[in-house]
N, C-alpha and C. Protein backbone atom coordinates (compact mmCIF):
# COMPACT_ATOMS: atom_id res chain seq x y z
N UNK A 1 -12.35 6.09 30.33
CA UNK A 1 -13.08 7.17 30.03
C UNK A 1 -13.44 7.22 28.66
N UNK A 2 -14.40 7.40 27.97
CA UNK A 2 -14.64 7.61 26.78
C UNK A 2 -15.37 9.17 26.54
N UNK A 3 -15.64 9.80 25.18
CA UNK A 3 -15.56 11.33 25.51
C UNK A 3 -16.78 11.64 26.25
N UNK A 4 -18.09 10.96 26.12
CA UNK A 4 -19.25 11.29 27.03
C UNK A 4 -18.80 11.34 28.37
N UNK A 5 -18.33 10.49 29.08
CA UNK A 5 -17.90 10.23 30.33
C UNK A 5 -16.75 11.51 30.75
N UNK A 6 -15.95 11.75 29.71
CA UNK A 6 -14.96 12.85 30.22
C UNK A 6 -15.91 14.36 30.07
N UNK A 7 -17.05 14.35 29.29
CA UNK A 7 -17.95 15.92 29.21
C UNK A 7 -18.38 15.84 30.22
N UNK A 8 -19.15 14.65 30.96
CA UNK A 8 -19.97 14.66 32.29
C UNK A 8 -18.89 14.83 33.42
N UNK A 9 -17.58 14.80 33.43
CA UNK A 9 -16.75 14.96 34.21
C UNK A 9 -16.50 16.53 34.48
N UNK A 10 -16.05 16.86 33.12
CA UNK A 10 -16.16 18.26 33.16
C UNK A 10 -17.08 19.27 33.49
N UNK A 11 -18.18 19.01 32.99
CA UNK A 11 -19.47 19.62 33.58
C UNK A 11 -19.58 19.51 35.36
N UNK A 12 -19.40 18.21 35.64
CA UNK A 12 -19.30 18.18 36.86
C UNK A 12 -18.52 19.33 37.76
N UNK A 13 -17.35 18.99 37.13
CA UNK A 13 -16.22 19.55 38.26
C UNK A 13 -15.87 20.97 38.11
N UNK A 14 -16.27 21.80 36.68
CA UNK A 14 -16.37 23.01 36.54
C UNK A 14 -17.68 23.92 36.64
N UNK A 15 -18.84 23.14 37.16
CA UNK A 15 -20.28 23.99 37.13
C UNK A 15 -20.67 24.19 35.74
N UNK A 16 -20.02 23.67 34.71
CA UNK A 16 -20.92 24.19 33.09
C UNK A 16 -22.11 22.67 32.99
N UNK A 17 -23.14 23.56 32.14
CA UNK A 17 -23.80 22.81 31.80
C UNK A 17 -22.96 21.66 30.83
N UNK A 18 -23.75 20.50 30.60
CA UNK A 18 -22.90 19.50 29.76
C UNK A 18 -22.38 19.99 28.06
N UNK A 19 -24.03 20.65 27.78
CA UNK A 19 -23.53 21.04 26.24
C UNK A 19 -22.28 22.12 26.22
N UNK A 20 -22.19 23.07 27.54
CA UNK A 20 -21.18 23.88 27.31
C UNK A 20 -19.63 23.14 27.52
N UNK A 21 -19.75 22.34 28.47
CA UNK A 21 -18.56 21.17 28.86
C UNK A 21 -18.31 20.89 27.03
N UNK A 22 -19.38 19.86 26.27
CA UNK A 22 -18.76 19.49 25.22
C UNK A 22 -18.18 20.58 24.33
N UNK A 23 -18.95 21.69 24.47
CA UNK A 23 -18.24 22.67 23.10
C UNK A 23 -16.64 23.12 23.60
N UNK A 24 -16.45 23.44 24.83
CA UNK A 24 -15.19 23.37 25.39
C UNK A 24 -14.26 22.61 24.98
N UNK A 25 -14.61 21.14 25.16
CA UNK A 25 -13.83 20.08 24.88
C UNK A 25 -13.46 20.11 23.45
N UNK A 26 -14.87 19.95 22.43
CA UNK A 26 -14.43 19.99 21.21
C UNK A 26 -13.60 21.18 20.39
N UNK A 27 -13.90 22.26 21.35
CA UNK A 27 -12.84 23.61 20.81
C UNK A 27 -11.49 23.26 21.38
N UNK A 28 -10.95 22.52 22.61
CA UNK A 28 -9.88 22.42 23.17
C UNK A 28 -9.06 21.21 22.23
N UNK A 29 -9.93 20.45 21.85
CA UNK A 29 -8.93 19.17 20.72
C UNK A 29 -9.03 19.97 19.42
N UNK A 30 -9.68 20.83 18.79
CA UNK A 30 -9.60 21.74 17.75
C UNK A 30 -8.24 22.57 17.63
N UNK A 31 -8.23 23.32 18.81
CA UNK A 31 -7.04 24.05 18.78
C UNK A 31 -5.79 23.32 18.76
N UNK A 32 -5.74 22.06 19.60
CA UNK A 32 -4.60 21.39 19.74
C UNK A 32 -4.57 20.78 18.46
N UNK A 33 -5.23 20.20 17.63
CA UNK A 33 -5.15 19.60 16.58
C UNK A 33 -4.58 20.85 15.64
N UNK A 34 -4.98 21.96 15.31
CA UNK A 34 -4.68 23.05 14.50
C UNK A 34 -3.37 23.38 14.60
N UNK A 35 -2.81 23.56 16.00
CA UNK A 35 -1.53 23.79 16.39
C UNK A 35 -0.33 22.81 15.86
N UNK A 36 -0.91 21.56 16.23
CA UNK A 36 -0.02 20.16 15.46
C UNK A 36 0.12 20.53 14.38
N UNK A 37 -1.05 20.38 13.29
CA UNK A 37 -1.14 20.28 11.90
C UNK A 37 -0.30 21.50 11.38
N UNK A 38 0.01 22.50 12.16
CA UNK A 38 0.79 23.65 11.62
C UNK A 38 2.14 23.54 12.03
N UNK A 39 2.61 22.32 12.56
CA UNK A 39 4.12 22.10 12.88
C UNK A 39 4.26 22.52 14.31
N UNK A 40 3.38 23.07 15.18
CA UNK A 40 3.73 23.77 16.56
C UNK A 40 3.58 22.52 17.81
N UNK A 41 3.74 22.72 18.56
CA UNK A 41 3.32 22.06 19.96
C UNK A 41 2.29 23.00 20.80
N UNK A 42 1.80 22.28 21.89
CA UNK A 42 0.95 22.96 22.81
C UNK A 42 1.55 22.21 24.34
N UNK A 43 2.04 23.11 24.94
CA UNK A 43 2.36 22.65 26.26
C UNK A 43 1.58 23.15 27.46
N UNK A 44 1.20 22.39 28.25
CA UNK A 44 0.17 22.27 29.33
C UNK A 44 1.03 22.41 30.51
N UNK A 45 1.81 23.15 31.18
CA UNK A 45 2.27 23.23 32.88
C UNK A 45 1.75 22.10 33.59
N UNK A 46 2.64 21.13 33.97
CA UNK A 46 1.94 20.15 34.87
C UNK A 46 1.41 19.14 34.10
N UNK A 47 0.88 19.35 33.16
CA UNK A 47 0.36 18.38 32.49
C UNK A 47 1.30 17.40 31.43
N UNK A 48 1.40 18.28 30.49
CA UNK A 48 2.22 17.47 29.52
C UNK A 48 2.20 18.55 28.00
N UNK A 49 2.99 17.69 27.25
CA UNK A 49 3.55 18.62 25.80
C UNK A 49 3.04 17.42 24.56
N UNK A 50 1.97 18.24 23.90
CA UNK A 50 1.59 17.58 22.63
C UNK A 50 2.69 18.21 21.53
N UNK A 51 3.05 17.34 20.62
CA UNK A 51 4.34 18.00 19.67
C UNK A 51 3.93 16.49 18.51
N UNK A 52 4.36 17.03 17.32
CA UNK A 52 4.81 16.42 16.26
C UNK A 52 6.03 16.15 16.00
N UNK A 53 6.21 14.86 15.76
CA UNK A 53 7.28 14.07 15.34
C UNK A 53 7.55 13.21 14.12
N UNK A 54 8.93 13.11 13.74
CA UNK A 54 9.29 12.60 12.49
C UNK A 54 9.35 10.98 12.55
N UNK A 55 8.49 10.25 11.76
CA UNK A 55 9.05 9.05 11.91
C UNK A 55 9.66 8.84 10.18
N UNK A 56 10.98 8.50 10.29
CA UNK A 56 11.44 7.88 8.62
C UNK A 56 10.81 6.78 8.15
N UNK A 57 11.16 6.95 6.92
CA UNK A 57 10.75 5.65 6.04
C UNK A 57 11.84 4.38 6.49
N UNK A 58 10.92 3.23 6.36
CA UNK A 58 11.62 1.85 6.75
C UNK A 58 11.06 0.94 6.18
N UNK A 59 11.57 -0.40 6.38
CA UNK A 59 11.39 -1.21 5.64
C UNK A 59 10.64 -2.05 6.80
N UNK A 60 9.44 -2.85 6.20
CA UNK A 60 8.96 -3.82 7.27
C UNK A 60 8.40 -5.33 6.80
N UNK A 61 7.71 -6.02 7.44
CA UNK A 61 7.20 -7.07 6.53
C UNK A 61 5.92 -7.50 7.10
N UNK A 62 5.16 -7.80 5.94
CA UNK A 62 3.59 -8.09 5.87
C UNK A 62 3.72 -9.79 6.77
N UNK A 63 3.21 -9.57 7.59
CA UNK A 63 2.92 -10.66 8.49
C UNK A 63 2.00 -12.07 7.92
N UNK A 64 1.33 -11.63 7.06
CA UNK A 64 0.72 -12.91 6.46
C UNK A 64 1.37 -13.47 5.32
N UNK A 65 2.23 -12.86 4.83
CA UNK A 65 3.01 -13.28 3.58
C UNK A 65 4.69 -13.51 3.66
N UNK A 66 4.72 -12.57 4.70
CA UNK A 66 6.40 -12.56 4.95
C UNK A 66 7.11 -11.56 3.97
N UNK A 67 6.40 -10.94 2.96
CA UNK A 67 6.98 -10.13 1.77
C UNK A 67 7.52 -8.90 2.46
N UNK A 68 8.81 -8.16 2.24
CA UNK A 68 9.17 -7.16 2.71
C UNK A 68 8.25 -5.96 1.81
N UNK A 69 7.85 -4.97 2.68
CA UNK A 69 7.44 -3.92 2.25
C UNK A 69 8.18 -2.70 2.74
N UNK A 70 7.30 -1.39 2.15
CA UNK A 70 8.44 0.11 2.31
C UNK A 70 7.29 0.71 3.13
N UNK A 71 7.48 1.36 4.35
CA UNK A 71 6.58 1.93 5.23
C UNK A 71 7.21 3.50 4.92
N UNK A 72 6.22 4.21 4.22
CA UNK A 72 6.50 5.91 4.00
C UNK A 72 7.09 6.55 5.15
N UNK A 73 7.87 7.72 4.91
CA UNK A 73 7.88 8.59 6.32
C UNK A 73 6.73 9.26 6.71
N UNK A 74 6.54 9.44 7.86
CA UNK A 74 5.18 10.20 8.11
C UNK A 74 5.52 11.17 9.29
N UNK A 75 4.58 11.90 9.74
CA UNK A 75 4.53 12.85 10.91
C UNK A 75 3.75 12.15 11.71
N UNK A 76 3.81 11.96 12.93
CA UNK A 76 3.14 11.56 13.98
C UNK A 76 3.23 12.16 15.16
N UNK A 77 1.47 12.51 15.81
CA UNK A 77 1.75 13.13 17.01
C UNK A 77 1.95 12.84 18.20
N UNK A 78 2.77 13.42 19.29
CA UNK A 78 3.61 12.74 20.42
C UNK A 78 3.09 13.44 21.47
N UNK A 79 3.08 12.85 22.61
CA UNK A 79 2.60 13.74 23.93
C UNK A 79 3.77 13.02 24.69
N UNK A 80 4.27 14.04 25.73
CA UNK A 80 5.14 13.91 26.62
C UNK A 80 4.50 13.99 27.92
N UNK A 81 4.62 13.10 28.97
CA UNK A 81 3.86 13.69 29.99
C UNK A 81 4.77 14.84 30.95
N UNK A 82 4.11 15.67 31.93
CA UNK A 82 4.81 16.75 32.60
C UNK A 82 4.94 15.90 33.89
N UNK A 83 5.79 16.73 34.81
CA UNK A 83 6.15 15.96 35.71
C UNK A 83 4.51 16.10 36.87
N UNK A 84 3.87 17.18 36.86
CA UNK A 84 2.41 16.89 37.64
C UNK A 84 1.94 15.58 37.54
N UNK A 85 1.81 15.25 36.10
CA UNK A 85 0.64 14.06 35.62
C UNK A 85 1.52 12.86 36.13
N UNK A 86 2.74 13.07 35.98
CA UNK A 86 3.36 11.89 36.48
C UNK A 86 3.52 11.54 38.22
N UNK A 87 3.52 12.56 38.67
CA UNK A 87 3.55 12.38 40.09
C UNK A 87 2.02 12.17 40.46
N UNK A 88 1.13 12.68 39.76
CA UNK A 88 -0.23 12.35 39.78
C UNK A 88 -0.52 10.72 40.16
N UNK A 89 0.05 10.16 39.08
CA UNK A 89 -0.12 8.78 38.59
C UNK A 89 0.49 7.48 39.75
N UNK A 90 1.61 8.50 39.98
CA UNK A 90 2.56 7.22 41.10
C UNK A 90 2.41 7.57 42.54
């Protein structure tokens, strides 16, 4: 499902017009992004938790040349599915 299909599904499920559903989705994505940028997390009970995880620096290999390279430490977004989502999928 892509973003347009998700907007259509939200509009159909909620009874909103597509423009309002699109704005609601954009606002949700923006709020989650800002929360993660500030180092916080977003928990949606029954769905899951978005959080920021720290990936430490490490060494790797360039697959084309075999040369060893250094990969810098980074913060990466993470998602852990909640029980309700896990149960719905299984």
